[in-house]
Amino acid sequence: MIKDHTEIKPITISKSHLHEMYSAIEQQLNIKLTAKGKTVVRRDINRYLLVNGNDVNKTINYFKNYRDNLKKLHIGYSDEALNNVISYLYR
């Protein structure tokens, strides 16, 4: 029996939308993203595009509140844990 593996992919977004999300994250976290940080964030962007049904505006709004959304994601949230996540993005 052969299984059909359909791969679901996020839509391709424009550089201006991507830049808008990166800028929103940098403002929220008060950091400058490194190339490695942008790679990590890009995975989040792709994931939330899929979660939001490839709706770019909903995804942009998610990243405009990135700090609060990170807090919601981490069970047992603490300021130290959040700072560790943030420091990974700008090392």
C-alpha atoms as a PDB file:
ATOM      1  CA  MET A   1       0.000   0.000   0.000  1.00  0.00           C
ATOM      2  CA  ILE A   2       1.469   3.345  -1.036  1.00  0.00           C
ATOM      3  CA  LYS A   3       0.665   6.333   1.119  1.00  0.00           C
ATOM      4  CA  ASP A   4       0.194   9.738  -0.426  1.00  0.00           C
ATOM      5  CA  HIS A   5       2.344  12.254   1.418  1.00  0.00           C
ATOM      6  CA  THR A   6       1.003  15.691   0.705  1.00  0.00           C
ATOM      7  CA  GLU A   7       3.304  18.339   2.054  1.00  0.00           C
ATOM      8  CA  ILE A   8       1.651  21.508   3.233  1.00  0.00           C
ATOM      9  CA  LYS A   9       3.792  24.587   2.741  1.00  0.00           C
ATOM     10  CA  PRO A  10       3.342  28.213   3.723  1.00  0.00           C
ATOM     11  CA  ILE A  11       2.841  30.754   0.977  1.00  0.00           C
ATOM     12  CA  THR A  12       5.765  32.817  -0.228  1.00  0.00           C
ATOM     13  CA  ILE A  13       5.651  36.282   1.288  1.00  0.00           C
ATOM     14  CA  SER A  14       7.193  39.481   0.021  1.00  0.00           C
ATOM     15  CA  LYS A  15      10.446  40.858   1.375  1.00  0.00           C
ATOM     16  CA  SER A  16       8.577  43.890   2.681  1.00  0.00           C
ATOM     17  CA  HIS A  17       6.232  41.690   4.759  1.00  0.00           C
ATOM     18  CA  LEU A  18       9.187  39.704   6.045  1.00  0.00           C
ATOM     19  CA  HIS A  19      11.052  42.892   6.921  1.00  0.00           C
ATOM     20  CA  GLU A  20       7.943  44.212   8.698  1.00  0.00           C
ATOM     21  CA  MET A  21       7.823  41.077  10.884  1.00  0.00           C
ATOM     22  CA  TYR A  22      11.559  41.207  11.640  1.00  0.00           C
ATOM     23  CA  SER A  23      11.256  44.889  12.578  1.00  0.00           C
ATOM     24  CA  ALA A  24       8.264  44.200  14.808  1.00  0.00           C
ATOM     25  CA  ILE A  25      10.199  41.480  16.625  1.00  0.00           C
ATOM     26  CA  GLU A  26      13.250  43.702  17.054  1.00  0.00           C
ATOM     27  CA  GLN A  27      11.080  46.475  18.509  1.00  0.00           C
ATOM     28  CA  GLN A  28       9.174  44.100  20.802  1.00  0.00           C
ATOM     29  CA  LEU A  29      12.321  42.472  22.152  1.00  0.00           C
ATOM     30  CA  ASN A  30      14.561  45.553  21.932  1.00  0.00           C
ATOM     31  CA  ILE A  31      17.250  43.652  20.019  1.00  0.00           C
ATOM     32  CA  LYS A  32      18.866  43.491  16.592  1.00  0.00           C
ATOM     33  CA  LEU A  33      18.309  40.060  15.013  1.00  0.00           C
ATOM     34  CA  THR A  34      21.383  38.233  13.769  1.00  0.00           C
ATOM     35  CA  ALA A  35      21.346  36.087  10.630  1.00  0.00           C
ATOM     36  CA  LYS A  36      20.920  33.023  12.857  1.00  0.00           C
ATOM     37  CA  GLY A  37      18.126  34.743  14.776  1.00  0.00           C
ATOM     38  CA  LYS A  38      16.360  35.569  11.510  1.00  0.00           C
ATOM     39  CA  THR A  39      16.602  31.908  10.497  1.00  0.00           C
ATOM     40  CA  VAL A  40      14.975  30.852  13.768  1.00  0.00           C
ATOM     41  CA  VAL A  41      12.294  33.515  13.467  1.00  0.00           C
ATOM     42  CA  ARG A  42      11.667  32.590   9.822  1.00  0.00           C
ATOM     43  CA  ARG A  43      10.670  29.088  10.977  1.00  0.00           C
ATOM     44  CA  ASP A  44       8.194  30.710  13.376  1.00  0.00           C
ATOM     45  CA  ILE A  45       6.878  32.899  10.569  1.00  0.00           C
ATOM     46  CA  ASN A  46       6.322  29.869   8.334  1.00  0.00           C
ATOM     47  CA  ARG A  47       4.623  27.978  11.171  1.00  0.00           C
ATOM     48  CA  TYR A  48       2.267  30.863  11.956  1.00  0.00           C
ATOM     49  CA  LEU A  49       1.474  31.394   8.294  1.00  0.00           C
ATOM     50  CA  LEU A  50       0.213  27.806   8.267  1.00  0.00           C
ATOM     51  CA  VAL A  51      -1.600  28.213  11.598  1.00  0.00           C
ATOM     52  CA  ASN A  52      -3.300  31.341  10.260  1.00  0.00           C
ATOM     53  CA  GLY A  53      -4.298  29.714   6.970  1.00  0.00           C
ATOM     54  CA  ASN A  54      -1.589  31.633   5.076  1.00  0.00           C
ATOM     55  CA  ASP A  55      -3.152  34.950   6.111  1.00  0.00           C
ATOM     56  CA  VAL A  56      -0.226  37.378   6.039  1.00  0.00           C
ATOM     57  CA  ASN A  57      -2.003  40.123   8.006  1.00  0.00           C
ATOM     58  CA  LYS A  58      -2.886  37.797  10.912  1.00  0.00           C
ATOM     59  CA  THR A  59       0.695  36.567  10.951  1.00  0.00           C
ATOM     60  CA  ILE A  60       2.073  40.118  10.983  1.00  0.00           C
ATOM     61  CA  ASN A  61      -0.224  40.945  13.925  1.00  0.00           C
ATOM     62  CA  TYR A  62       1.072  37.889  15.785  1.00  0.00           C
ATOM     63  CA  PHE A  63       4.639  39.168  15.467  1.00  0.00           C
ATOM     64  CA  LYS A  64       3.673  42.698  16.461  1.00  0.00           C
ATOM     65  CA  ASN A  65       2.880  41.165  19.881  1.00  0.00           C
ATOM     66  CA  TYR A  66       5.766  38.693  19.830  1.00  0.00           C
ATOM     67  CA  ARG A  67       6.963  39.304  23.401  1.00  0.00           C
ATOM     68  CA  ASP A  68       3.525  38.578  24.875  1.00  0.00           C
ATOM     69  CA  ASN A  69       3.035  35.603  22.577  1.00  0.00           C
ATOM     70  CA  LEU A  70       6.381  34.126  23.664  1.00  0.00           C
ATOM     71  CA  LYS A  71       5.242  34.408  27.271  1.00  0.00           C
ATOM     72  CA  LYS A  72       2.054  32.503  26.445  1.00  0.00           C
ATOM     73  CA  LEU A  73       3.997  29.721  24.721  1.00  0.00           C
ATOM     74  CA  HIS A  74       6.327  28.885  27.576  1.00  0.00           C
ATOM     75  CA  ILE A  75       4.770  26.992  30.443  1.00  0.00           C
ATOM     76  CA  GLY A  76       6.345  28.048  33.709  1.00  0.00           C
ATOM     77  CA  TYR A  77       7.230  31.398  32.201  1.00  0.00           C
ATOM     78  CA  SER A  78       9.783  33.491  34.008  1.00  0.00           C
ATOM     79  CA  ASP A  79      11.645  36.637  33.013  1.00  0.00           C
ATOM     80  CA  GLU A  80      14.893  34.666  33.042  1.00  0.00           C
ATOM     81  CA  ALA A  81      13.507  32.030  30.661  1.00  0.00           C
ATOM     82  CA  LEU A  82      12.227  34.709  28.288  1.00  0.00           C
ATOM     83  CA  ASN A  83      15.588  36.480  28.387  1.00  0.00           C
ATOM     84  CA  ASN A  84      17.304  33.187  27.477  1.00  0.00           C
ATOM     85  CA  VAL A  85      15.033  32.788  24.435  1.00  0.00           C
ATOM     86  CA  ILE A  86      15.635  36.384  23.403  1.00  0.00           C
ATOM     87  CA  SER A  87      19.407  36.152  23.847  1.00  0.00           C
ATOM     88  CA  TYR A  88      19.482  33.199  21.456  1.00  0.00           C
ATOM     89  CA  LEU A  89      18.067  35.428  18.719  1.00  0.00           C
ATOM     90  CA  TYR A  90      20.732  38.128  18.884  1.00  0.00           C
ATOM     91  CA  ARG A  91      23.941  36.362  19.869  1.00  0.00           C
END
